[in-house]
Amino acid sequence: MKQNMKKLFLFTMVTVAGFSARAISIDWTGGYRLEYVDVDRPTLSDPGGKKSYGLNYLYLQPKMIASDGINIISRFDVLANEKPAYRNSQLGSFIGSGLSTGAGANTTAQNSESSNMRVSQLYLNVNHEYGSLVAGRAPIEFGMGITHNAGRGAFDHWMDTKDMVGYKFNVDNISFMPILSRNQQTDFGIGGTISDQILDFEYDNKEIGAKAGVFWQNRNTSIATNDVVAAPAGIPGAASIGGGYSSKTVNIYLERKWTSFEFRIEASFLTGQTGAKTAAGEDINYNSYAVASELLMPAVDSPWEYGLKMGAVSGDNKDTANYEGYQLDRNYDVAILLFNHRMGQSDFFSSGVSHANDAAAGNGLSVANSADDESIGNAIYLAPSFKYLWNEKLDLKTSVIYAQLMSNPENYLDFKKDLGLELDIELIYKPRERVTWSTGLGILSPGAAWSGGSGNNWDTKTNYGFTTKAAITF
């Protein structure tokens, strides 16, 4: 009996020690988010198509340390959004997702729908003295995130990932990373591929607060995999495919920080051939650009902090066969309502190329039933802000956003460019480290642009939006 007890004790100790060793080799990070959104009149008319929804979301990022400098990193999304249009986002699941049994009436349900856990990232990271190797499905980000944005913010709803192999060379404050990425692989052959060739060059001097970088991306497809005419998010005006797709996107970034002043600016230029043709047989090529900048005067000797966001994003010129429109990343926001939620009676920002309708829903997503999937496009904007640091835990931020359209989106008659003025007020509470609760109110007074000119005369009624959200990162 004593011998058996000894064996059992030794077995238990070895098992516990084994589990402890394995636990030490896994580093867990992640975040949890809970939020509620209410938008009174997104159509800017009566009826207003009021939106009101809550979201619940958790992500886990285990880093498995296989050996010194060799890591396997993954990401699990818990209660991910089930709508096909938002499946690869960080939106989270609806609060009120229906009957879990799949039978019976929702009005008499006693529990809620379960959800699948999704794996959005999995990659190998090998680090050594002179650089690091990344191979697999990994996040990608550059500069201010106006084009390439991994969604690392506590309240970001979107993420950029790539199936890639890249090696980052580090020399003092300079890094250089060539990347080969494959965005589409139809089967095991080579005829159904979409691939990227990327060069990421960055300078980061933390001692003087200076950053600079260039991100060059070239994307190519064959004629067989070119789907830019696919509805509903195809290139406007595209009627047929005449060849393969070949585009070049170049982003340039500059940042400088001093004690009492900071600024950053990023510009992006998109050129190339879409491979599509108009109904008249003209080639449709890219010729687009975007410039965004941010200025900040941090609170140093006073509780006041001042900021400014401004930028210009090109819009499509309907008088040419080419496509001149550009869309910033959906994570890059300047307001609670404007450029964040779909509004009005037309696609004024030409953003239909970046947020596809949900075909599985039958009638698709619209202004009245979509999430905050709008993006900045076809506009010039100015957004000054000031923040009062009430105490160590509480901040009050106020922003004023003014914007105009760059071009007439549909050649409307007697069209005006004024998008109006928005006032945002946000209360930010941080009760402890890595915990944030934000409550915001946005009021938009629409400009004449939303009327669509004399040929439409759509309503331009004031719109209100309210949001409250909490995030925990670990």
Protein backbone atom coordinates (compact mmCIF):
# COMPACT_ATOMS: atom_id res chain seq x y z
CA MET A 1 0.00 0.00 0.00
CA LYS A 2 2.81 2.35 0.94
CA GLN A 3 4.59 1.53 -2.31
CA ASN A 4 1.44 2.35 -4.30
CA MET A 5 1.05 5.62 -2.41
CA LYS A 6 4.66 6.53 -3.17
CA LYS A 7 4.19 5.74 -6.86
CA LEU A 8 1.00 7.78 -6.96
CA PHE A 9 2.74 10.70 -5.22
CA LEU A 10 5.70 10.60 -7.62
CA PHE A 11 3.38 10.34 -10.63
CA THR A 12 1.37 13.34 -9.39
CA MET A 13 4.50 15.45 -8.81
CA VAL A 14 5.92 14.64 -12.25
CA THR A 15 2.57 15.42 -13.90
CA VAL A 16 2.22 18.75 -12.07
CA ALA A 17 5.82 19.64 -12.88
CA GLY A 18 5.20 18.82 -16.53
CA PHE A 19 2.10 21.00 -16.65
CA SER A 20 3.97 23.82 -14.90
CA ALA A 21 6.80 23.65 -17.42
CA ARG A 22 4.36 23.76 -20.29
CA ALA A 23 2.45 26.65 -18.72
CA ILE A 24 5.65 28.68 -18.45
CA SER A 25 6.26 28.19 -22.19
CA ILE A 26 2.93 29.80 -23.17
CA ASP A 27 2.42 33.54 -22.86
CA TRP A 28 -1.24 34.61 -23.04
CA THR A 29 -2.43 38.08 -24.01
CA GLY A 30 -5.81 39.27 -25.20
CA GLY A 31 -8.70 41.60 -24.65
CA TYR A 32 -12.39 41.75 -23.83
CA ARG A 33 -14.85 44.36 -25.11
CA LEU A 34 -18.49 45.16 -24.38
CA GLU A 35 -20.28 48.03 -26.15
CA TYR A 36 -23.62 49.58 -26.97
CA VAL A 37 -24.38 51.83 -29.98
CA ASP A 38 -27.46 53.93 -30.73
CA VAL A 39 -27.78 56.05 -33.89
CA ASP A 40 -31.00 58.03 -34.13
CA ARG A 41 -31.40 58.92 -37.82
CA PRO A 42 -28.69 57.47 -40.11
CA THR A 43 -30.79 58.11 -43.25
CA LEU A 44 -30.94 61.84 -42.30
CA SER A 45 -34.65 61.72 -43.13
CA ASP A 46 -37.99 60.49 -41.80
CA PRO A 47 -38.31 57.61 -41.18
CA GLY A 48 -34.74 57.66 -39.95
CA GLY A 49 -33.94 53.93 -39.81
CA LYS A 50 -32.81 54.06 -36.19
CA LYS A 51 -29.99 51.67 -35.21
CA SER A 52 -29.52 50.26 -31.72
CA TYR A 53 -27.31 47.27 -30.89
CA GLY A 54 -24.89 45.81 -28.37
CA LEU A 55 -21.76 43.74 -29.01
CA ASN A 56 -19.78 41.27 -26.92
CA TYR A 57 -16.28 40.10 -27.90
CA LEU A 58 -13.16 38.37 -26.58
CA TYR A 59 -9.87 37.58 -28.28
CA LEU A 60 -7.03 35.43 -26.96
CA GLN A 61 -3.45 35.48 -28.27
CA PRO A 62 -1.32 32.60 -26.99
CA LYS A 63 2.41 32.80 -27.79
CA MET A 64 4.02 29.38 -27.56
CA ILE A 65 7.74 29.63 -26.84
CA ALA A 66 9.10 26.55 -28.59
CA SER A 67 12.75 27.43 -27.96
CA ASP A 68 14.94 30.47 -27.39
CA GLY A 69 13.83 33.03 -29.96
CA ILE A 70 11.38 30.64 -31.66
CA ASN A 71 7.72 31.51 -31.08
CA ILE A 72 4.45 30.23 -32.51
CA ILE A 73 1.76 32.91 -32.20
CA SER A 74 -1.96 32.51 -32.79
CA ARG A 75 -5.20 34.36 -32.14
CA PHE A 76 -8.63 33.02 -31.21
CA ASP A 77 -11.77 35.12 -31.60
CA VAL A 78 -14.51 34.20 -29.13
CA LEU A 79 -18.11 35.21 -29.93
CA ALA A 80 -17.08 36.49 -33.35
CA ASN A 81 -19.70 38.09 -35.60
CA GLU A 82 -21.59 35.52 -37.66
CA LYS A 83 -22.76 37.77 -40.51
CA PRO A 84 -20.85 36.86 -43.70
CA ALA A 85 -19.94 40.50 -44.42
CA TYR A 86 -18.33 40.87 -40.97
CA ARG A 87 -17.02 37.35 -40.40
CA ASN A 88 -13.34 38.35 -40.47
CA SER A 89 -13.78 41.41 -38.24
CA GLN A 90 -13.45 42.17 -34.53
CA LEU A 91 -17.03 43.38 -34.20
CA GLY A 92 -18.13 40.60 -31.88
CA SER A 93 -21.47 38.91 -31.42
CA PHE A 94 -24.83 40.65 -31.07
CA ILE A 95 -26.24 40.89 -27.58
CA GLY A 96 -29.52 39.14 -28.36
CA SER A 97 -28.46 36.54 -30.89
CA GLY A 98 -31.55 34.34 -30.98
CA LEU A 99 -32.65 30.91 -29.87
CA SER A 100 -29.83 28.44 -29.36
CA THR A 101 -31.82 25.25 -29.94
CA GLY A 102 -32.54 26.11 -33.58
CA ALA A 103 -36.21 25.31 -33.11
CA GLY A 104 -39.18 27.01 -31.54
CA ALA A 105 -39.92 30.69 -31.11
CA ASN A 106 -37.40 33.34 -30.09
CA THR A 107 -40.10 35.01 -28.01
CA THR A 108 -40.16 32.02 -25.64
CA ALA A 109 -36.44 31.17 -25.73
CA GLN A 110 -34.60 30.55 -22.46
CA ASN A 111 -31.02 30.80 -23.66
CA SER A 112 -28.95 32.46 -26.40
CA GLU A 113 -27.24 31.19 -29.53
CA SER A 114 -23.78 29.70 -29.16
CA SER A 115 -20.94 30.71 -31.46
CA ASN A 116 -17.94 29.06 -33.08
CA MET A 117 -14.43 30.04 -32.01
CA ARG A 118 -12.47 31.35 -34.99
CA VAL A 119 -8.72 31.34 -35.58
CA SER A 120 -7.71 34.59 -37.28
CA GLN A 121 -3.92 34.40 -36.92
CA LEU A 122 -1.25 31.70 -36.81
CA TYR A 123 2.39 32.35 -37.59
CA LEU A 124 5.96 31.45 -36.78
CA ASN A 125 8.27 34.15 -35.41
CA VAL A 126 12.01 33.44 -35.18
CA ASN A 127 14.14 36.16 -33.56
CA HIS A 128 17.87 36.54 -33.37
CA GLU A 129 20.49 39.27 -33.09
CA TYR A 130 20.15 40.74 -36.58
CA GLY A 131 16.46 40.37 -37.35
CA SER A 132 13.40 38.17 -37.29
CA LEU A 133 11.51 35.80 -39.55
CA VAL A 134 7.70 35.85 -39.83
CA ALA A 135 5.90 33.04 -41.66
CA GLY A 136 2.16 32.33 -41.65
CA ARG A 137 -1.04 34.34 -41.23
CA ALA A 138 0.19 37.42 -39.41
CA PRO A 139 -1.06 40.95 -38.66
CA ILE A 140 0.28 43.80 -40.73
CA GLU A 141 0.45 47.49 -39.90
CA PHE A 142 2.29 50.61 -41.02
CA GLY A 143 2.49 54.23 -39.91
CA MET A 144 -0.77 55.79 -38.72
CA GLY A 145 -2.74 52.80 -40.02
CA ILE A 146 -4.61 54.69 -42.75
CA THR A 147 -4.01 51.81 -45.21
CA HIS A 148 -2.45 48.91 -43.29
CA ASN A 149 -4.01 48.58 -39.83
CA ALA A 150 -3.78 45.49 -37.61
CA GLY A 151 -6.55 46.71 -35.28
CA ARG A 152 -4.51 46.78 -32.07
CA GLY A 153 -6.59 49.54 -30.49
CA ALA A 154 -8.88 48.60 -27.59
CA PHE A 155 -12.00 49.50 -29.59
CA ASP A 156 -10.88 48.66 -33.15
CA HIS A 157 -13.42 46.55 -35.05
CA TRP A 158 -11.32 45.51 -38.04
CA MET A 159 -7.95 43.86 -38.64
CA ASP A 160 -5.45 43.47 -41.48
CA THR A 161 -3.70 40.11 -41.83
CA LYS A 162 -1.68 38.45 -44.57
CA ASP A 163 -0.55 34.91 -45.36
CA MET A 164 3.09 35.76 -45.80
CA VAL A 165 6.76 35.02 -45.43
CA GLY A 166 8.93 37.96 -44.48
CA TYR A 167 12.29 38.67 -42.91
CA LYS A 168 12.95 41.86 -40.94
CA PHE A 169 16.57 43.06 -40.93
CA ASN A 170 17.51 45.37 -38.04
CA VAL A 171 20.50 47.72 -38.19
CA ASP A 172 20.57 50.20 -35.29
CA ASN A 173 17.48 52.41 -35.77
CA ILE A 174 16.73 51.12 -39.27
CA SER A 175 14.70 48.09 -40.26
CA PHE A 176 14.06 46.64 -43.70
CA MET A 177 11.54 43.88 -44.35
CA PRO A 178 10.85 42.20 -47.71
CA ILE A 179 7.57 40.22 -47.69
CA LEU A 180 6.01 37.72 -50.06
CA SER A 181 2.27 37.35 -49.49
CA ARG A 182 -0.45 35.24 -51.07
CA ASN A 183 -4.00 36.61 -50.77
CA GLN A 184 -5.83 33.94 -52.73
CA GLN A 185 -5.20 30.29 -53.52
CA THR A 186 -8.08 28.59 -55.33
CA ASP A 187 -6.55 25.10 -55.36
CA PHE A 188 -3.18 23.37 -55.42
CA GLY A 189 -2.29 24.76 -58.85
CA ILE A 190 -0.78 28.15 -59.64
CA GLY A 191 -3.55 29.46 -61.90
CA GLY A 192 -5.82 30.67 -59.10
CA THR A 193 -3.51 32.88 -57.05
CA ILE A 194 -3.43 36.53 -55.99
CA SER A 195 -0.06 37.59 -54.61
CA ASP A 196 1.65 40.63 -53.06
CA GLN A 197 5.26 41.71 -53.11
CA ILE A 198 6.00 44.09 -50.23
CA LEU A 199 8.96 46.13 -49.03
CA ASP A 200 8.71 47.79 -45.61
CA PHE A 201 11.48 50.26 -44.74
CA GLU A 202 11.35 52.06 -41.37
CA TYR A 203 13.50 54.38 -39.27
CA ASP A 204 12.72 54.59 -35.54
CA ASN A 205 14.89 56.70 -33.24
CA LYS A 206 13.29 56.59 -29.79
CA GLU A 207 15.93 58.84 -28.25
CA ILE A 208 14.85 61.87 -30.27
CA GLY A 209 11.25 60.75 -30.92
CA ALA A 210 11.60 60.49 -34.70
CA LYS A 211 10.06 57.93 -37.05
CA ALA A 212 9.93 57.61 -40.82
CA GLY A 213 9.08 54.86 -43.26
CA VAL A 214 8.10 53.71 -46.73
CA PHE A 215 5.72 50.82 -47.41
CA TRP A 216 5.64 49.58 -51.01
CA GLN A 217 3.09 46.95 -52.06
CA ASN A 218 2.55 45.46 -55.49
CA ARG A 219 -0.44 43.15 -56.10
CA ASN A 220 -0.87 40.90 -59.13
CA THR A 221 -3.48 38.46 -60.38
CA SER A 222 -4.07 36.50 -63.54
CA ILE A 223 -7.12 37.18 -65.69
CA ALA A 224 -8.71 34.05 -64.22
CA THR A 225 -8.56 35.36 -60.63
CA ASN A 226 -9.39 38.99 -61.39
CA ASP A 227 -12.81 39.61 -59.83
CA VAL A 228 -12.95 43.43 -59.62
CA VAL A 229 -16.33 43.42 -61.38
CA ALA A 230 -17.87 41.17 -58.72
CA ALA A 231 -20.97 42.70 -57.14
CA PRO A 232 -21.58 44.41 -54.85
CA ALA A 233 -18.07 45.62 -54.01
CA GLY A 234 -16.58 45.80 -57.51
CA ILE A 235 -14.92 48.71 -59.24
CA PRO A 236 -17.59 51.28 -60.25
CA GLY A 237 -18.16 51.35 -63.99
CA ALA A 238 -16.54 47.94 -64.57
CA ALA A 239 -18.47 45.89 -67.13
CA SER A 240 -16.03 43.16 -68.11
CA ILE A 241 -12.54 41.76 -67.45
CA GLY A 242 -9.93 42.38 -70.10
CA GLY A 243 -6.78 41.25 -68.30
CA GLY A 244 -5.03 40.61 -65.02
CA TYR A 245 -4.98 42.96 -62.06
CA SER A 246 -1.78 44.86 -61.23
CA SER A 247 -1.69 47.64 -58.64
CA LYS A 248 1.00 49.50 -56.71
CA THR A 249 0.36 51.15 -53.34
CA VAL A 250 3.10 53.33 -51.82
CA ASN A 251 2.76 54.77 -48.31
CA ILE A 252 5.14 57.35 -46.83
CA TYR A 253 5.16 58.11 -43.11
CA LEU A 254 6.85 60.74 -40.93
CA GLU A 255 6.59 61.34 -37.18
CA ARG A 256 8.35 63.66 -34.74
CA LYS A 257 7.82 64.13 -31.02
CA TRP A 258 8.95 66.83 -28.63
CA THR A 259 7.93 67.36 -25.01
CA SER A 260 5.21 69.91 -25.81
CA PHE A 261 4.38 69.08 -29.44
CA GLU A 262 3.93 66.01 -31.66
CA PHE A 263 3.03 65.58 -35.29
CA ARG A 264 2.65 62.68 -37.71
CA ILE A 265 1.73 62.52 -41.36
CA GLU A 266 1.12 59.68 -43.81
CA ALA A 267 0.49 59.79 -47.54
CA SER A 268 -0.61 56.92 -49.77
CA PHE A 269 -0.65 56.65 -53.57
CA LEU A 270 -2.49 53.93 -55.50
CA THR A 271 -1.75 53.37 -59.19
CA GLY A 272 -2.00 50.48 -61.63
CA GLN A 273 -4.32 48.54 -63.89
CA THR A 274 -7.56 47.00 -62.62
CA GLY A 275 -7.81 44.77 -65.69
CA ALA A 276 -11.45 45.83 -66.04
CA LYS A 277 -13.11 47.62 -68.95
CA THR A 278 -16.10 49.91 -69.15
CA ALA A 279 -19.15 49.07 -71.26
CA ALA A 280 -17.54 51.20 -73.98
CA GLY A 281 -14.37 49.07 -73.88
CA GLU A 282 -12.13 51.64 -72.12
CA ASP A 283 -9.49 50.41 -69.68
CA ILE A 284 -10.09 51.31 -66.01
CA ASN A 285 -6.87 52.21 -64.20
CA TYR A 286 -6.11 53.39 -60.67
CA ASN A 287 -4.96 56.93 -59.94
CA SER A 288 -5.79 57.61 -56.28
CA TYR A 289 -4.23 59.21 -53.23
CA ALA A 290 -4.76 60.01 -49.55
CA VAL A 291 -3.00 62.28 -47.05
CA ALA A 292 -3.71 62.25 -43.31
CA SER A 293 -1.97 64.14 -40.52
CA GLU A 294 -2.28 64.52 -36.75
CA LEU A 295 -0.96 67.26 -34.47
CA LEU A 296 -0.92 67.02 -30.68
CA MET A 297 0.00 69.37 -27.84
CA PRO A 298 0.15 67.08 -24.78
CA ALA A 299 -0.80 68.27 -21.32
CA VAL A 300 2.55 69.17 -19.74
CA ASP A 301 2.08 71.98 -17.23
CA SER A 302 -1.72 72.16 -17.43
CA PRO A 303 -4.68 69.73 -17.54
CA TRP A 304 -5.49 70.70 -21.14
CA GLU A 305 -4.46 68.68 -24.21
CA TYR A 306 -5.04 69.97 -27.76
CA GLY A 307 -5.14 67.96 -30.97
CA LEU A 308 -5.92 68.26 -34.65
CA LYS A 309 -6.67 65.68 -37.33
CA MET A 310 -6.87 66.72 -40.97
CA GLY A 311 -6.61 65.05 -44.33
CA ALA A 312 -7.66 64.75 -47.93
CA VAL A 313 -8.75 61.55 -49.69
CA SER A 314 -9.39 61.48 -53.41
CA GLY A 315 -12.76 60.62 -54.92
CA ASP A 316 -13.73 59.08 -58.22
CA ASN A 317 -14.17 61.44 -61.16
CA LYS A 318 -17.23 60.23 -63.05
CA ASP A 319 -16.09 62.05 -66.21
CA THR A 320 -13.16 59.65 -66.70
CA ALA A 321 -12.92 55.91 -67.25
CA ASN A 322 -10.23 55.61 -64.57
CA TYR A 323 -10.99 55.08 -60.89
CA GLU A 324 -9.62 57.88 -58.68
CA GLY A 325 -11.33 56.89 -55.42
CA TYR A 326 -9.41 55.91 -52.28
CA GLN A 327 -10.64 54.48 -48.95
CA LEU A 328 -8.83 54.79 -45.65
CA ASP A 329 -8.83 51.81 -43.32
CA ARG A 330 -12.08 51.43 -41.37
CA ASN A 331 -10.16 51.50 -38.07
CA TYR A 332 -9.02 55.05 -38.75
CA ASP A 333 -11.81 57.24 -37.36
CA VAL A 334 -12.12 60.99 -36.88
CA ALA A 335 -15.72 61.14 -35.59
CA ILE A 336 -18.43 59.09 -33.88
CA LEU A 337 -20.85 59.41 -36.83
CA LEU A 338 -19.17 60.98 -39.86
CA PHE A 339 -17.07 58.52 -41.90
CA ASN A 340 -17.87 55.84 -39.28
CA HIS A 341 -21.53 54.90 -39.83
CA ARG A 342 -23.22 54.79 -43.23
CA MET A 343 -25.54 57.77 -43.65
CA GLY A 344 -27.71 59.54 -46.18
CA GLN A 345 -29.38 58.41 -49.39
CA SER A 346 -26.30 57.71 -51.54
CA ASP A 347 -22.76 56.33 -51.34
CA PHE A 348 -21.18 59.79 -51.14
CA PHE A 349 -17.79 58.44 -49.97
CA SER A 350 -17.55 55.73 -52.67
CA SER A 351 -17.04 53.24 -49.84
CA GLY A 352 -19.11 50.50 -51.48
CA VAL A 353 -15.82 49.11 -52.80
CA SER A 354 -14.65 48.37 -49.23
CA HIS A 355 -17.77 47.12 -47.43
CA ALA A 356 -19.65 44.40 -49.24
CA ASN A 357 -23.32 43.80 -48.61
CA ASP A 358 -24.33 40.63 -46.80
CA ALA A 359 -25.72 38.52 -49.62
CA ALA A 360 -26.73 35.75 -47.24
CA ALA A 361 -29.17 38.12 -45.53
CA GLY A 362 -31.36 38.28 -48.64
CA ASN A 363 -31.81 42.03 -48.77
CA GLY A 364 -28.24 42.96 -47.84
CA LEU A 365 -26.86 45.50 -45.38
CA SER A 366 -28.03 49.07 -45.68
CA VAL A 367 -27.70 52.46 -44.00
CA ALA A 368 -30.24 51.43 -41.37
CA ASN A 369 -28.95 47.95 -40.44
CA SER A 370 -25.16 47.99 -40.89
CA ALA A 371 -22.41 48.32 -38.29
CA ASP A 372 -19.80 51.08 -38.18
CA ASP A 373 -18.29 49.89 -41.48
CA GLU A 374 -17.99 53.28 -43.17
CA SER A 375 -14.57 54.67 -44.12
CA ILE A 376 -13.07 58.01 -45.10
CA GLY A 377 -13.13 58.55 -48.84
CA ASN A 378 -13.81 61.28 -51.40
CA ALA A 379 -13.44 63.97 -48.73
CA ILE A 380 -11.33 66.64 -47.10
CA TYR A 381 -11.75 66.94 -43.34
CA LEU A 382 -10.62 69.04 -40.38
CA ALA A 383 -11.10 67.82 -36.80
CA PRO A 384 -9.71 69.95 -33.94
CA SER A 385 -10.11 68.60 -30.39
CA PHE A 386 -9.31 69.42 -26.82
CA LYS A 387 -9.18 67.13 -23.81
CA TYR A 388 -9.45 68.10 -20.17
CA LEU A 389 -7.56 65.73 -17.86
CA TRP A 390 -9.93 65.85 -14.89
CA ASN A 391 -7.80 63.59 -12.75
CA GLU A 392 -5.64 60.48 -13.11
CA LYS A 393 -8.65 58.36 -14.05
CA LEU A 394 -11.10 60.67 -15.83
CA ASP A 395 -10.77 62.65 -19.09
CA LEU A 396 -13.29 64.74 -21.01
CA LYS A 397 -12.67 65.12 -24.75
CA THR A 398 -14.50 67.39 -27.20
CA SER A 399 -14.04 67.33 -30.99
CA VAL A 400 -15.46 69.41 -33.81
CA ILE A 401 -15.37 67.84 -37.28
CA TYR A 402 -15.93 69.69 -40.53
CA ALA A 403 -15.75 68.01 -43.96
CA GLN A 404 -16.37 68.56 -47.66
CA LEU A 405 -16.57 66.16 -50.57
CA MET A 406 -13.74 66.16 -53.10
CA SER A 407 -15.87 65.28 -56.14
CA ASN A 408 -19.48 64.83 -57.21
CA PRO A 409 -20.15 61.09 -56.56
CA GLU A 410 -22.87 60.58 -59.19
CA ASN A 411 -22.75 63.81 -61.22
CA TYR A 412 -25.79 65.09 -59.36
CA LEU A 413 -27.38 68.35 -60.64
CA ASP A 414 -26.53 71.55 -58.72
CA PHE A 415 -24.46 69.50 -56.31
CA LYS A 416 -22.86 71.06 -53.20
CA LYS A 417 -19.74 69.74 -51.43
CA ASP A 418 -20.51 70.75 -47.83
CA LEU A 419 -20.87 67.66 -45.58
CA GLY A 420 -21.64 69.70 -42.49
CA LEU A 421 -20.40 69.98 -38.93
CA GLU A 422 -20.26 67.36 -36.16
CA LEU A 423 -19.77 67.86 -32.43
CA ASP A 424 -18.47 64.90 -30.40
CA ILE A 425 -18.22 64.74 -26.62
CA GLU A 426 -16.48 61.77 -25.00
CA LEU A 427 -16.03 60.88 -21.33
CA ILE A 428 -13.10 58.49 -20.80
CA TYR A 429 -12.75 56.66 -17.48
CA LYS A 430 -9.76 54.47 -16.62
CA PRO A 431 -10.38 53.00 -13.16
CA ARG A 432 -7.21 50.91 -13.33
CA GLU A 433 -4.42 49.92 -15.68
CA ARG A 434 -5.56 48.31 -18.98
CA VAL A 435 -9.24 49.02 -18.22
CA THR A 436 -11.07 51.71 -20.23
CA TRP A 437 -14.68 52.82 -20.24
CA SER A 438 -15.69 55.40 -22.85
CA THR A 439 -19.07 57.08 -23.31
CA GLY A 440 -19.60 59.40 -26.27
CA LEU A 441 -22.27 61.57 -27.86
CA GLY A 442 -22.10 62.71 -31.49
CA ILE A 443 -24.35 65.36 -33.09
CA LEU A 444 -24.15 65.88 -36.85
CA SER A 445 -25.64 68.91 -38.57
CA PRO A 446 -25.61 67.74 -42.22
CA GLY A 447 -24.48 70.05 -45.01
CA ALA A 448 -26.01 70.61 -48.42
CA ALA A 449 -24.08 67.71 -50.01
CA TRP A 450 -26.44 65.15 -48.46
CA SER A 451 -29.41 66.58 -50.42
CA GLY A 452 -27.96 65.21 -53.68
CA GLY A 453 -28.60 68.48 -55.55
CA SER A 454 -31.76 69.77 -57.19
CA GLY A 455 -32.39 66.47 -58.97
CA ASN A 456 -32.97 64.67 -55.65
CA ASN A 457 -33.58 67.14 -52.80
CA TRP A 458 -33.13 64.51 -50.09
CA ASP A 459 -33.68 65.43 -46.44
CA THR A 460 -30.75 66.67 -44.36
CA LYS A 461 -32.07 66.32 -40.81
CA THR A 462 -29.83 66.40 -37.76
CA ASN A 463 -28.46 63.02 -36.66
CA TYR A 464 -27.58 61.93 -33.12
CA GLY A 465 -25.40 59.04 -32.02
CA PHE A 466 -24.62 57.60 -28.60
CA THR A 467 -22.07 54.96 -27.68
CA THR A 468 -20.80 53.47 -24.45
CA LYS A 469 -18.10 50.83 -24.40
CA ALA A 470 -15.68 49.13 -22.04
CA ALA A 471 -12.47 47.27 -22.83
CA ILE A 472 -10.05 45.19 -20.79
CA THR A 473 -6.67 44.24 -22.22
CA PHE A 474 -4.28 41.76 -20.65
